[in-house]
C-alpha atoms as a PDB file:
ATOM      1  CA  MET A   1     106.559  16.502  99.777  1.00  0.00           C
ATOM      2  CA  VAL A   2     110.028  15.003  99.307  1.00  0.00           C
ATOM      3  CA  GLU A   3     112.266  18.079  99.461  1.00  0.00           C
ATOM      4  CA  SER A   4     115.875  17.013  99.263  1.00  0.00           C
ATOM      5  CA  SER A   5     118.451  18.188 101.791  1.00  0.00           C
ATOM      6  CA  LEU A   6     120.662  18.876  98.767  1.00  0.00           C
ATOM      7  CA  LEU A   7     118.790  22.168  98.441  1.00  0.00           C
ATOM      8  CA  ASP A   8     120.262  23.315 101.758  1.00  0.00           C
ATOM      9  CA  LYS A   9     123.874  22.379 100.986  1.00  0.00           C
ATOM     10  CA  PRO A  10     126.310  25.073  99.883  1.00  0.00           C
ATOM     11  CA  MET A  11     126.997  25.028  96.146  1.00  0.00           C
ATOM     12  CA  SER A  12     130.688  24.298  96.842  1.00  0.00           C
ATOM     13  CA  GLU A  13     129.753  21.178  98.818  1.00  0.00           C
ATOM     14  CA  ALA A  14     127.011  19.919  96.490  1.00  0.00           C
ATOM     15  CA  PHE A  15     129.092  20.536  93.342  1.00  0.00           C
ATOM     16  CA  PRO A  16     132.752  20.448  94.439  1.00  0.00           C
ATOM     17  CA  ALA A  17     134.091  20.206  90.885  1.00  0.00           C
ATOM     18  CA  TRP A  18     132.605  23.545  89.819  1.00  0.00           C
ATOM     19  CA  GLY A  19     130.519  25.111  92.602  1.00  0.00           C
ATOM     20  CA  ASN A  20     132.559  27.908  94.104  1.00  0.00           C
ATOM     21  CA  SER A  21     129.931  29.572  96.275  1.00  0.00           C
ATOM     22  CA  ASN A  22     128.854  29.068  99.874  1.00  0.00           C
ATOM     23  CA  LEU A  23     125.340  30.023  98.806  1.00  0.00           C
ATOM     24  CA  PRO A  24     122.879  27.160  99.390  1.00  0.00           C
ATOM     25  CA  VAL A  25     121.690  25.381  96.246  1.00  0.00           C
ATOM     26  CA  ARG A  26     118.137  26.598  96.959  1.00  0.00           C
ATOM     27  CA  ASN A  27     119.294  30.241  96.978  1.00  0.00           C
ATOM     28  CA  ALA A  28     121.364  29.830  93.826  1.00  0.00           C
ATOM     29  CA  LEU A  29     118.318  28.441  92.021  1.00  0.00           C
ATOM     30  CA  TRP A  30     116.108  31.190  93.424  1.00  0.00           C
ATOM     31  CA  ASP A  31     118.537  33.861  92.192  1.00  0.00           C
ATOM     32  CA  TYR A  32     118.692  32.206  88.759  1.00  0.00           C
ATOM     33  CA  TYR A  33     114.910  32.151  88.386  1.00  0.00           C
ATOM     34  CA  MET A  34     114.498  35.693  89.750  1.00  0.00           C
ATOM     35  CA  GLU A  35     116.861  36.970  87.035  1.00  0.00           C
ATOM     36  CA  LEU A  36     115.128  34.867  84.396  1.00  0.00           C
ATOM     37  CA  ASN A  37     111.689  36.126  85.465  1.00  0.00           C
ATOM     38  CA  GLY A  38     112.537  39.812  85.656  1.00  0.00           C
ATOM     39  CA  ARG A  39     112.461  39.781  89.484  1.00  0.00           C
ATOM     40  CA  ASN A  40     108.893  38.409  89.529  1.00  0.00           C
ATOM     41  CA  THR A  41     108.585  36.670  92.899  1.00  0.00           C
ATOM     42  CA  MET A  42     105.329  34.885  92.104  1.00  0.00           C
ATOM     43  CA  LYS A  43     106.699  33.399  88.867  1.00  0.00           C
ATOM     44  CA  THR A  44     109.936  32.408  90.605  1.00  0.00           C
ATOM     45  CA  GLU A  45     108.038  30.717  93.426  1.00  0.00           C
ATOM     46  CA  LYS A  46     106.097  28.732  90.825  1.00  0.00           C
ATOM     47  CA  ASP A  47     109.346  27.746  89.060  1.00  0.00           C
ATOM     48  CA  MET A  48     110.814  26.552  92.364  1.00  0.00           C
ATOM     49  CA  ASP A  49     107.824  24.346  93.290  1.00  0.00           C
ATOM     50  CA  PRO A  50     108.932  21.272  91.288  1.00  0.00           C
ATOM     51  CA  TYR A  51     112.151  21.081  93.325  1.00  0.00           C
ATOM     52  CA  LYS A  52     110.071  20.117  96.362  1.00  0.00           C
ATOM     53  CA  GLN A  53     109.224  16.815  94.663  1.00  0.00           C
ATOM     54  CA  MET A  54     112.594  16.056  93.050  1.00  0.00           C
ATOM     55  CA  SER A  55     115.135  13.571  94.291  1.00  0.00           C
ATOM     56  CA  ALA A  56     118.684  14.750  95.013  1.00  0.00           C
ATOM     57  CA  GLU A  57     119.815  13.235  91.710  1.00  0.00           C
ATOM     58  CA  GLN A  58     117.093  15.036  89.748  1.00  0.00           C
ATOM     59  CA  ILE A  59     118.034  18.327  91.417  1.00  0.00           C
ATOM     60  CA  LYS A  60     121.714  17.793  90.601  1.00  0.00           C
ATOM     61  CA  ILE A  61     120.902  17.212  86.943  1.00  0.00           C
ATOM     62  CA  GLN A  62     118.735  20.328  86.763  1.00  0.00           C
ATOM     63  CA  VAL A  63     121.234  22.532  88.627  1.00  0.00           C
ATOM     64  CA  GLU A  64     124.078  21.420  86.381  1.00  0.00           C
ATOM     65  CA  LYS A  65     121.952  22.155  83.320  1.00  0.00           C
ATOM     66  CA  LEU A  66     120.984  25.634  84.558  1.00  0.00           C
ATOM     67  CA  LEU A  67     123.920  26.890  86.602  1.00  0.00           C
ATOM     68  CA  LYS A  68     127.091  25.113  85.509  1.00  0.00           C
ATOM     69  CA  SER A  69     129.086  27.305  83.197  1.00  0.00           C
ATOM     70  CA  GLU A  70     131.124  25.455  80.626  1.00  0.00           C
END
């Protein structure tokens, strides 16, 4: 398991140009997937599993794709 420390950084620190929350990246992703999955914890847990194997750069790309509002 790789698990990047980026997941534990506040959004504002990991994405200073647009992240305006002190919520850790991991929690922001969790909240996103919970909404997407109709508050289904088991589905959300499954959606979060790939992040354990991603590099910090891969996580950044995915977070920007999912959470960055234009």
